[in-house]
Amino acid sequence: MANQRRIQFVHGQLAWMVATVLVLAVLDSLSYGLFFLLSLLGLAIVTELTAPTNVSPEWRTRLRWLIVFGLVGFVYVVIRRLLEIVPPELFT
């Protein structure tokens, strides 16, 4: 039963990521940053949708760390984008 839930989670995440690539390709806005952001959003959504009601298996507790590292990566991408947009005169 535990393996079935884990496989269900992986299938859900893979479906989200494939759909993300397809939609971004159709909209002609496929980029690593946007794909990363939408995949992280999908990870959070799939994690919540497949959460068990009674017991949390050990592999699900490790997902929290993955989401935290993903949020750190997201903050890095946002800061990098802001530094590209903001004129350099503001930093002197």
N, C-alpha and C. Protein backbone atom coordinates (compact mmCIF):
# COMPACT_ATOMS: atom_id res chain seq x y z
N MET A 1 0.82 -1.20 0.00
CA MET A 1 0.00 0.00 0.00
C MET A 1 0.87 1.26 0.00
N ALA A 2 1.97 1.23 0.76
CA ALA A 2 2.84 2.40 0.83
C ALA A 2 3.51 2.65 -0.51
N ASN A 3 3.94 1.57 -1.17
CA ASN A 3 4.56 1.74 -2.48
C ASN A 3 3.57 2.26 -3.51
N GLN A 4 2.32 1.85 -3.38
CA GLN A 4 1.30 2.33 -4.32
C GLN A 4 1.10 3.84 -4.16
N ARG A 5 1.10 4.32 -2.94
CA ARG A 5 0.96 5.77 -2.72
C ARG A 5 2.18 6.53 -3.24
N ARG A 6 3.35 5.94 -3.05
CA ARG A 6 4.57 6.58 -3.53
C ARG A 6 4.56 6.65 -5.05
N ILE A 7 4.15 5.57 -5.70
CA ILE A 7 4.07 5.56 -7.17
C ILE A 7 3.01 6.54 -7.65
N GLN A 8 1.90 6.64 -6.94
CA GLN A 8 0.86 7.61 -7.27
C GLN A 8 1.40 9.04 -7.19
N PHE A 9 2.19 9.30 -6.16
CA PHE A 9 2.80 10.61 -6.01
C PHE A 9 3.74 10.92 -7.17
N VAL A 10 4.60 9.95 -7.51
CA VAL A 10 5.56 10.15 -8.60
C VAL A 10 4.83 10.35 -9.93
N HIS A 11 3.80 9.59 -10.18
CA HIS A 11 3.02 9.75 -11.41
C HIS A 11 2.36 11.13 -11.46
N GLY A 12 1.83 11.56 -10.35
CA GLY A 12 1.21 12.89 -10.31
C GLY A 12 2.22 14.00 -10.58
N GLN A 13 3.40 13.88 -9.98
CA GLN A 13 4.43 14.90 -10.19
C GLN A 13 4.93 14.88 -11.64
N LEU A 14 5.14 13.70 -12.18
CA LEU A 14 5.59 13.61 -13.57
C LEU A 14 4.54 14.16 -14.53
N ALA A 15 3.28 13.86 -14.27
CA ALA A 15 2.21 14.39 -15.13
C ALA A 15 2.18 15.91 -15.06
N TRP A 16 2.35 16.46 -13.87
CA TRP A 16 2.37 17.92 -13.71
C TRP A 16 3.53 18.52 -14.50
N MET A 17 4.70 17.91 -14.40
CA MET A 17 5.88 18.46 -15.07
C MET A 17 5.78 18.34 -16.59
N VAL A 18 5.25 17.24 -17.09
CA VAL A 18 5.08 17.09 -18.54
C VAL A 18 4.05 18.10 -19.04
N ALA A 19 2.96 18.26 -18.31
CA ALA A 19 1.95 19.24 -18.70
C ALA A 19 2.53 20.65 -18.67
N THR A 20 3.39 20.93 -17.70
CA THR A 20 4.03 22.24 -17.62
C THR A 20 4.90 22.50 -18.85
N VAL A 21 5.70 21.51 -19.23
CA VAL A 21 6.56 21.67 -20.41
C VAL A 21 5.71 21.88 -21.65
N LEU A 22 4.65 21.11 -21.80
CA LEU A 22 3.80 21.24 -22.98
C LEU A 22 3.13 22.61 -23.05
N VAL A 23 2.58 23.06 -21.94
CA VAL A 23 1.90 24.36 -21.93
C VAL A 23 2.89 25.48 -22.19
N LEU A 24 4.06 25.43 -21.55
CA LEU A 24 5.06 26.47 -21.78
C LEU A 24 5.57 26.46 -23.21
N ALA A 25 5.69 25.28 -23.80
CA ALA A 25 6.13 25.18 -25.20
C ALA A 25 5.07 25.75 -26.14
N VAL A 26 3.81 25.46 -25.86
CA VAL A 26 2.73 25.99 -26.70
C VAL A 26 2.67 27.51 -26.59
N LEU A 27 2.89 28.03 -25.40
CA LEU A 27 2.86 29.48 -25.19
C LEU A 27 4.17 30.15 -25.59
N ASP A 28 5.15 29.37 -26.03
CA ASP A 28 6.46 29.86 -26.46
C ASP A 28 7.15 30.67 -25.36
N SER A 29 7.04 30.19 -24.14
CA SER A 29 7.71 30.86 -23.02
C SER A 29 8.43 29.85 -22.14
N LEU A 30 9.01 28.84 -22.78
CA LEU A 30 9.73 27.80 -22.06
C LEU A 30 11.08 28.33 -21.62
N SER A 31 11.30 28.36 -20.30
CA SER A 31 12.58 28.76 -19.74
C SER A 31 12.82 27.93 -18.48
N TYR A 32 14.09 27.81 -18.11
CA TYR A 32 14.43 27.01 -16.94
C TYR A 32 13.82 27.59 -15.67
N GLY A 33 13.85 28.90 -15.54
CA GLY A 33 13.33 29.53 -14.33
C GLY A 33 11.83 29.32 -14.17
N LEU A 34 11.11 29.51 -15.25
CA LEU A 34 9.66 29.34 -15.20
C LEU A 34 9.28 27.88 -15.00
N PHE A 35 10.01 26.98 -15.65
CA PHE A 35 9.76 25.56 -15.46
C PHE A 35 10.04 25.16 -14.01
N PHE A 36 11.13 25.66 -13.44
CA PHE A 36 11.47 25.37 -12.05
C PHE A 36 10.38 25.87 -11.11
N LEU A 37 9.92 27.09 -11.32
CA LEU A 37 8.88 27.66 -10.48
C LEU A 37 7.59 26.86 -10.56
N LEU A 38 7.16 26.52 -11.75
CA LEU A 38 5.91 25.77 -11.90
C LEU A 38 6.04 24.33 -11.42
N SER A 39 7.23 23.74 -11.55
CA SER A 39 7.45 22.40 -11.01
C SER A 39 7.42 22.41 -9.49
N LEU A 40 7.99 23.45 -8.89
CA LEU A 40 7.95 23.59 -7.43
C LEU A 40 6.51 23.77 -6.95
N LEU A 41 5.75 24.57 -7.66
CA LEU A 41 4.34 24.74 -7.33
C LEU A 41 3.61 23.41 -7.45
N GLY A 42 3.90 22.66 -8.50
CA GLY A 42 3.29 21.34 -8.68
C GLY A 42 3.68 20.39 -7.57
N LEU A 43 4.94 20.44 -7.14
CA LEU A 43 5.38 19.59 -6.04
C LEU A 43 4.59 19.87 -4.78
N ALA A 44 4.39 21.14 -4.48
CA ALA A 44 3.61 21.49 -3.29
C ALA A 44 2.16 21.03 -3.42
N ILE A 45 1.58 21.21 -4.59
CA ILE A 45 0.18 20.82 -4.80
C ILE A 45 0.01 19.31 -4.74
N VAL A 46 0.88 18.57 -5.45
CA VAL A 46 0.77 17.11 -5.46
C VAL A 46 1.04 16.55 -4.06
N THR A 47 1.96 17.15 -3.33
CA THR A 47 2.24 16.71 -1.96
C THR A 47 0.99 16.85 -1.09
N GLU A 48 0.29 17.95 -1.22
CA GLU A 48 -0.91 18.16 -0.41
C GLU A 48 -2.07 17.28 -0.87
N LEU A 49 -2.21 17.09 -2.17
CA LEU A 49 -3.32 16.28 -2.67
C LEU A 49 -3.17 14.80 -2.36
N THR A 50 -1.94 14.33 -2.24
CA THR A 50 -1.73 12.91 -1.97
C THR A 50 -1.38 12.64 -0.51
N ALA A 51 -1.56 13.62 0.36
CA ALA A 51 -1.22 13.46 1.77
C ALA A 51 -2.16 12.46 2.44
N PRO A 52 -1.59 11.53 3.22
CA PRO A 52 -2.44 10.59 3.95
C PRO A 52 -3.11 11.28 5.13
N THR A 53 -4.20 10.72 5.58
CA THR A 53 -4.95 11.36 6.65
C THR A 53 -4.47 10.96 8.05
N ASN A 54 -4.00 9.74 8.21
CA ASN A 54 -3.66 9.26 9.55
C ASN A 54 -2.16 9.27 9.83
N VAL A 55 -1.40 8.57 9.02
CA VAL A 55 0.02 8.36 9.28
C VAL A 55 0.83 8.97 8.15
N SER A 56 1.93 9.63 8.51
CA SER A 56 2.81 10.19 7.50
C SER A 56 4.05 9.32 7.36
N PRO A 57 4.22 8.65 6.22
CA PRO A 57 5.40 7.80 6.04
C PRO A 57 6.69 8.64 6.04
N GLU A 58 7.80 7.96 6.28
CA GLU A 58 9.08 8.66 6.39
C GLU A 58 9.46 9.37 5.09
N TRP A 59 9.14 8.75 3.95
CA TRP A 59 9.53 9.37 2.69
C TRP A 59 8.80 10.69 2.47
N ARG A 60 7.62 10.86 3.06
CA ARG A 60 6.89 12.12 2.90
C ARG A 60 7.49 13.23 3.75
N THR A 61 8.11 12.87 4.87
CA THR A 61 8.75 13.91 5.69
C THR A 61 9.98 14.48 4.98
N ARG A 62 10.63 13.66 4.16
CA ARG A 62 11.77 14.15 3.39
C ARG A 62 11.33 15.10 2.28
N LEU A 63 10.07 15.04 1.89
CA LEU A 63 9.57 15.97 0.87
C LEU A 63 9.59 17.40 1.36
N ARG A 64 9.42 17.58 2.66
CA ARG A 64 9.48 18.94 3.22
C ARG A 64 10.82 19.58 2.94
N TRP A 65 11.90 18.80 3.11
CA TRP A 65 13.23 19.33 2.83
C TRP A 65 13.39 19.67 1.35
N LEU A 66 12.84 18.85 0.50
CA LEU A 66 12.91 19.12 -0.92
C LEU A 66 12.18 20.42 -1.26
N ILE A 67 11.03 20.63 -0.64
CA ILE A 67 10.27 21.86 -0.87
C ILE A 67 11.03 23.06 -0.32
N VAL A 68 11.65 22.92 0.85
CA VAL A 68 12.44 24.02 1.42
C VAL A 68 13.60 24.39 0.50
N PHE A 69 14.34 23.38 0.02
CA PHE A 69 15.44 23.66 -0.91
C PHE A 69 14.92 24.26 -2.21
N GLY A 70 13.76 23.83 -2.64
CA GLY A 70 13.15 24.42 -3.82
C GLY A 70 12.78 25.88 -3.61
N LEU A 71 12.29 26.21 -2.43
CA LEU A 71 11.97 27.61 -2.13
C LEU A 71 13.23 28.47 -2.08
N VAL A 72 14.31 27.91 -1.56
CA VAL A 72 15.59 28.64 -1.56
C VAL A 72 16.03 28.89 -3.00
N GLY A 73 15.89 27.90 -3.86
CA GLY A 73 16.21 28.08 -5.27
C GLY A 73 15.30 29.10 -5.93
N PHE A 74 14.04 29.12 -5.55
CA PHE A 74 13.10 30.10 -6.09
C PHE A 74 13.50 31.51 -5.69
N VAL A 75 13.88 31.70 -4.43
CA VAL A 75 14.32 33.02 -3.97
C VAL A 75 15.56 33.45 -4.76
N TYR A 76 16.46 32.51 -5.02
CA TYR A 76 17.66 32.81 -5.82
C TYR A 76 17.27 33.28 -7.22
N VAL A 77 16.34 32.59 -7.85
CA VAL A 77 15.90 32.96 -9.20
C VAL A 77 15.24 34.34 -9.19
N VAL A 78 14.43 34.61 -8.18
CA VAL A 78 13.75 35.92 -8.10
C VAL A 78 14.77 37.03 -7.92
N ILE A 79 15.75 36.83 -7.04
CA ILE A 79 16.76 37.86 -6.81
C ILE A 79 17.57 38.09 -8.09
N ARG A 80 17.91 37.01 -8.79
CA ARG A 80 18.64 37.15 -10.03
C ARG A 80 17.85 37.93 -11.07
N ARG A 81 16.55 37.64 -11.16
CA ARG A 81 15.70 38.37 -12.11
C ARG A 81 15.59 39.85 -11.72
N LEU A 82 15.47 40.12 -10.44
CA LEU A 82 15.37 41.51 -10.00
C LEU A 82 16.66 42.26 -10.31
N LEU A 83 17.79 41.63 -10.13
CA LEU A 83 19.06 42.28 -10.44
C LEU A 83 19.21 42.54 -11.93
N GLU A 84 18.59 41.73 -12.77
CA GLU A 84 18.61 41.97 -14.21
C GLU A 84 17.72 43.15 -14.59
N ILE A 85 16.62 43.31 -13.87
CA ILE A 85 15.63 44.33 -14.22
C ILE A 85 16.02 45.71 -13.67
N VAL A 86 16.46 45.73 -12.41
CA VAL A 86 16.76 47.00 -11.74
C VAL A 86 18.01 47.61 -12.34
N PRO A 87 17.96 48.91 -12.63
CA PRO A 87 19.16 49.57 -13.19
C PRO A 87 20.31 49.58 -12.18
N PRO A 88 21.55 49.47 -12.68
CA PRO A 88 22.71 49.41 -11.78
C PRO A 88 22.93 50.71 -11.00
N GLU A 89 22.36 51.82 -11.44
CA GLU A 89 22.53 53.09 -10.73
C GLU A 89 21.91 53.05 -9.33
N LEU A 90 20.96 52.20 -9.11
CA LEU A 90 20.31 52.12 -7.81
C LEU A 90 21.22 51.50 -6.75
N PHE A 91 22.25 50.79 -7.16
CA PHE A 91 23.13 50.10 -6.21
C PHE A 91 24.38 50.92 -5.87
N THR A 92 24.54 52.06 -6.47
CA THR A 92 25.74 52.86 -6.18
C THR A 92 25.42 54.02 -5.29
